[in-house]
Amino acid sequence: MTFLVVPASSSTYTYLGVLVGGSARLALLIAVFGLAGIAGVGWGGAAVDRFGGPRVALAALVVLAAGFAVLPSVAAGLAALPVMAGWGALVWAFIPAQQHRLLALRVGPAPVLLALNTSAIHLGFAAGALLGGLVVDAGGPLWVLAVGCCAGALLLHTVLNPREST
């Protein structure tokens, strides 16, 4: 799931300038994303303690997909700010939720599971930038790639956590 969620974010984030145009506003959007990401990690950890990793991951996936779908239509206006904040918060809230879910599986030593998840994060950053570049070069819509990655992660989440997905 991590490998699908991170490219959704990375593909769009890497080419955000293509979507919103290179401007001072781009810097503001990146700052909003970053600050929201910091808050999202804290909120994600607290939400996991209260609701459990699978539920937080599910909520993050659904809202992220919706956010990526609407981002192109709001990219030029002020509505991009809350979308960027939600995206930053939720993509980084997903990480502690996924870590919690992996640790709850008890299929191996915790450090190994977390290291593998971290590897999926870094591979996801690279894959997202690569796939995003291919989409941009082809003149395609980045949001389709991002929503598709989220949909794939959502499908995988549903298969792995059928009780939390209904």
Protein backbone atom coordinates (compact mmCIF):
# COMPACT_ATOMS: atom_id res chain seq x y z
CA MET A 1 0.00 0.00 0.00
CA THR A 2 2.81 2.39 0.84
CA PHE A 3 4.35 1.91 -2.58
CA LEU A 4 1.05 2.95 -4.18
CA VAL A 5 0.25 5.92 -1.93
CA VAL A 6 3.65 7.60 -2.08
CA PRO A 7 3.82 7.72 -5.91
CA ALA A 8 0.35 9.28 -5.95
CA SER A 9 1.73 12.13 -3.88
CA SER A 10 5.22 12.24 -5.36
CA SER A 11 4.08 12.35 -8.98
CA THR A 12 1.90 15.37 -8.32
CA TYR A 13 4.25 17.10 -5.89
CA THR A 14 7.27 16.78 -8.20
CA TYR A 15 5.38 18.38 -11.08
CA LEU A 16 3.24 20.80 -9.06
CA GLY A 17 4.82 23.69 -10.94
CA VAL A 18 3.39 22.30 -14.18
CA LEU A 19 -0.06 22.23 -12.60
CA VAL A 20 -0.04 25.65 -10.92
CA GLY A 21 2.65 27.44 -12.93
CA GLY A 22 6.03 28.48 -11.62
CA SER A 23 5.34 31.44 -9.36
CA ALA A 24 5.62 32.77 -5.85
CA ARG A 25 2.27 31.05 -5.25
CA LEU A 26 4.00 27.72 -5.90
CA ALA A 27 6.31 28.44 -2.96
CA LEU A 28 3.29 29.19 -0.76
CA LEU A 29 1.57 25.96 -1.79
CA ILE A 30 4.71 23.94 -1.06
CA ALA A 31 5.03 25.63 2.35
CA VAL A 32 1.40 24.84 3.17
CA PHE A 33 1.93 21.23 2.11
CA GLY A 34 5.05 20.92 4.28
CA LEU A 35 3.55 22.47 7.39
CA ALA A 36 0.42 20.35 7.00
CA GLY A 37 2.64 17.28 6.59
CA ILE A 38 4.30 17.97 9.93
CA ALA A 39 0.88 18.26 11.56
CA GLY A 40 -0.33 15.19 9.67
CA VAL A 41 2.32 12.91 11.12
CA GLY A 42 1.32 13.96 14.65
CA TRP A 43 -2.38 13.78 13.92
CA GLY A 44 -1.95 10.44 12.16
CA GLY A 45 -0.20 8.92 15.16
CA ALA A 46 -2.88 10.18 17.54
CA ALA A 47 -5.68 9.03 15.22
CA VAL A 48 -4.10 5.58 14.95
CA ASP A 49 -4.07 5.29 18.74
CA ARG A 50 -7.76 6.15 18.82
CA PHE A 51 -9.17 4.50 15.69
CA GLY A 52 -6.56 1.97 14.56
CA GLY A 53 -4.20 1.91 11.60
CA PRO A 54 -6.53 0.37 9.00
CA ARG A 55 -9.28 2.93 9.60
CA VAL A 56 -6.93 5.90 9.46
CA ALA A 57 -5.30 4.52 6.32
CA LEU A 58 -8.72 4.05 4.71
CA ALA A 59 -9.83 7.59 5.54
CA ALA A 60 -6.55 9.02 4.25
CA LEU A 61 -6.80 7.06 0.98
CA VAL A 62 -10.36 8.12 0.23
CA VAL A 63 -9.80 11.81 0.96
CA LEU A 64 -6.45 11.85 -0.85
CA ALA A 65 -8.04 10.43 -3.99
CA ALA A 66 -10.78 13.08 -3.84
CA GLY A 67 -8.21 15.81 -3.28
CA PHE A 68 -6.10 14.72 -6.25
CA ALA A 69 -9.23 14.62 -8.41
CA VAL A 70 -10.22 18.21 -7.57
CA LEU A 71 -6.74 19.75 -7.45
CA PRO A 72 -6.56 20.61 -11.17
CA SER A 73 -9.84 22.52 -11.01
CA VAL A 74 -8.77 24.59 -8.00
CA ALA A 75 -5.03 24.91 -8.74
CA ALA A 76 -5.31 28.49 -9.98
CA GLY A 77 -7.34 29.81 -7.06
CA LEU A 78 -7.30 30.13 -3.30
CA ALA A 79 -9.12 26.81 -2.94
CA ALA A 80 -5.77 25.18 -3.71
CA LEU A 81 -4.56 26.11 -0.21
CA PRO A 82 -6.93 23.82 1.75
CA VAL A 83 -6.48 21.07 -0.84
CA MET A 84 -2.70 21.30 -0.41
CA ALA A 85 -3.07 21.34 3.39
CA GLY A 86 -5.33 18.29 3.32
CA TRP A 87 -3.02 16.49 0.93
CA GLY A 88 0.08 17.22 3.02
CA ALA A 89 -1.62 16.22 6.25
CA LEU A 90 -3.20 13.04 4.93
CA VAL A 91 -0.31 11.63 2.96
CA TRP A 92 1.90 11.97 6.03
CA ALA A 93 -0.86 10.74 8.38
CA PHE A 94 -1.00 7.61 6.23
CA ILE A 95 2.58 6.70 7.17
CA PRO A 96 2.04 6.06 10.92
CA ALA A 97 -1.24 4.32 10.08
CA GLN A 98 0.55 1.98 7.70
CA GLN A 99 3.38 1.40 10.16
CA HIS A 100 0.86 0.51 12.86
CA ARG A 101 -0.93 -1.87 10.50
CA LEU A 102 2.32 -3.58 9.55
CA LEU A 103 3.43 -3.98 13.15
CA ALA A 104 0.04 -5.43 14.09
CA LEU A 105 0.55 -8.19 11.52
CA ARG A 106 3.42 -9.59 13.64
CA VAL A 107 4.93 -11.34 10.63
CA GLY A 108 8.52 -10.47 11.43
CA PRO A 109 10.79 -8.34 13.54
CA ALA A 110 9.47 -4.77 13.88
CA PRO A 111 12.71 -3.11 12.70
CA VAL A 112 12.68 -5.19 9.52
CA LEU A 113 9.02 -4.39 8.77
CA LEU A 114 9.58 -0.67 9.33
CA ALA A 115 12.75 -0.74 7.22
CA LEU A 116 10.86 -2.40 4.38
CA ASN A 117 8.11 0.20 4.67
CA THR A 118 10.71 2.97 4.58
CA SER A 119 12.18 1.37 1.47
CA ALA A 120 8.70 1.40 -0.09
CA ILE A 121 8.45 5.12 0.74
CA HIS A 122 11.74 5.93 -0.98
CA LEU A 123 11.02 3.69 -3.98
CA GLY A 124 7.60 5.33 -4.15
CA PHE A 125 9.15 8.81 -4.29
CA ALA A 126 11.34 7.72 -7.19
CA ALA A 127 8.55 5.86 -9.01
CA GLY A 128 6.17 8.79 -8.59
CA ALA A 129 8.66 11.25 -10.03
CA LEU A 130 9.40 8.91 -12.93
CA LEU A 131 5.76 8.13 -13.70
CA GLY A 132 4.77 11.77 -13.26
CA GLY A 133 7.48 12.80 -15.71
CA LEU A 134 6.23 10.29 -18.24
CA VAL A 135 2.68 11.59 -17.85
CA VAL A 136 3.78 15.22 -18.17
CA ASP A 137 5.93 14.43 -21.22
CA ALA A 138 2.97 12.68 -22.81
CA GLY A 139 0.71 15.66 -22.05
CA GLY A 140 -1.51 13.57 -19.79
CA PRO A 141 -3.30 14.61 -16.60
CA LEU A 142 -1.29 14.00 -13.45
CA TRP A 143 -4.42 13.68 -11.36
CA VAL A 144 -5.39 10.47 -13.19
CA LEU A 145 -2.09 8.87 -12.17
CA ALA A 146 -2.49 10.03 -8.56
CA VAL A 147 -6.11 8.90 -8.28
CA GLY A 148 -5.22 5.60 -9.94
CA CYS A 149 -2.46 4.96 -7.41
CA CYS A 150 -4.85 5.76 -4.56
CA ALA A 151 -7.48 3.47 -6.09
CA GLY A 152 -4.94 0.66 -6.28
CA ALA A 153 -3.98 1.22 -2.65
CA LEU A 154 -7.67 1.32 -1.71
CA LEU A 155 -8.27 -1.98 -3.48
CA LEU A 156 -5.31 -3.53 -1.71
CA HIS A 157 -6.51 -2.11 1.62
CA THR A 158 -9.95 -3.61 1.03
CA VAL A 159 -8.48 -7.03 0.31
CA LEU A 160 -6.18 -6.90 3.37
CA ASN A 161 -8.70 -5.34 5.78
CA PRO A 162 -12.20 -6.39 4.69
CA ARG A 163 -13.87 -5.59 8.04
CA GLU A 164 -12.53 -2.00 8.19
CA SER A 165 -13.36 -1.28 4.54
CA THR A 166 -17.12 -1.68 4.69
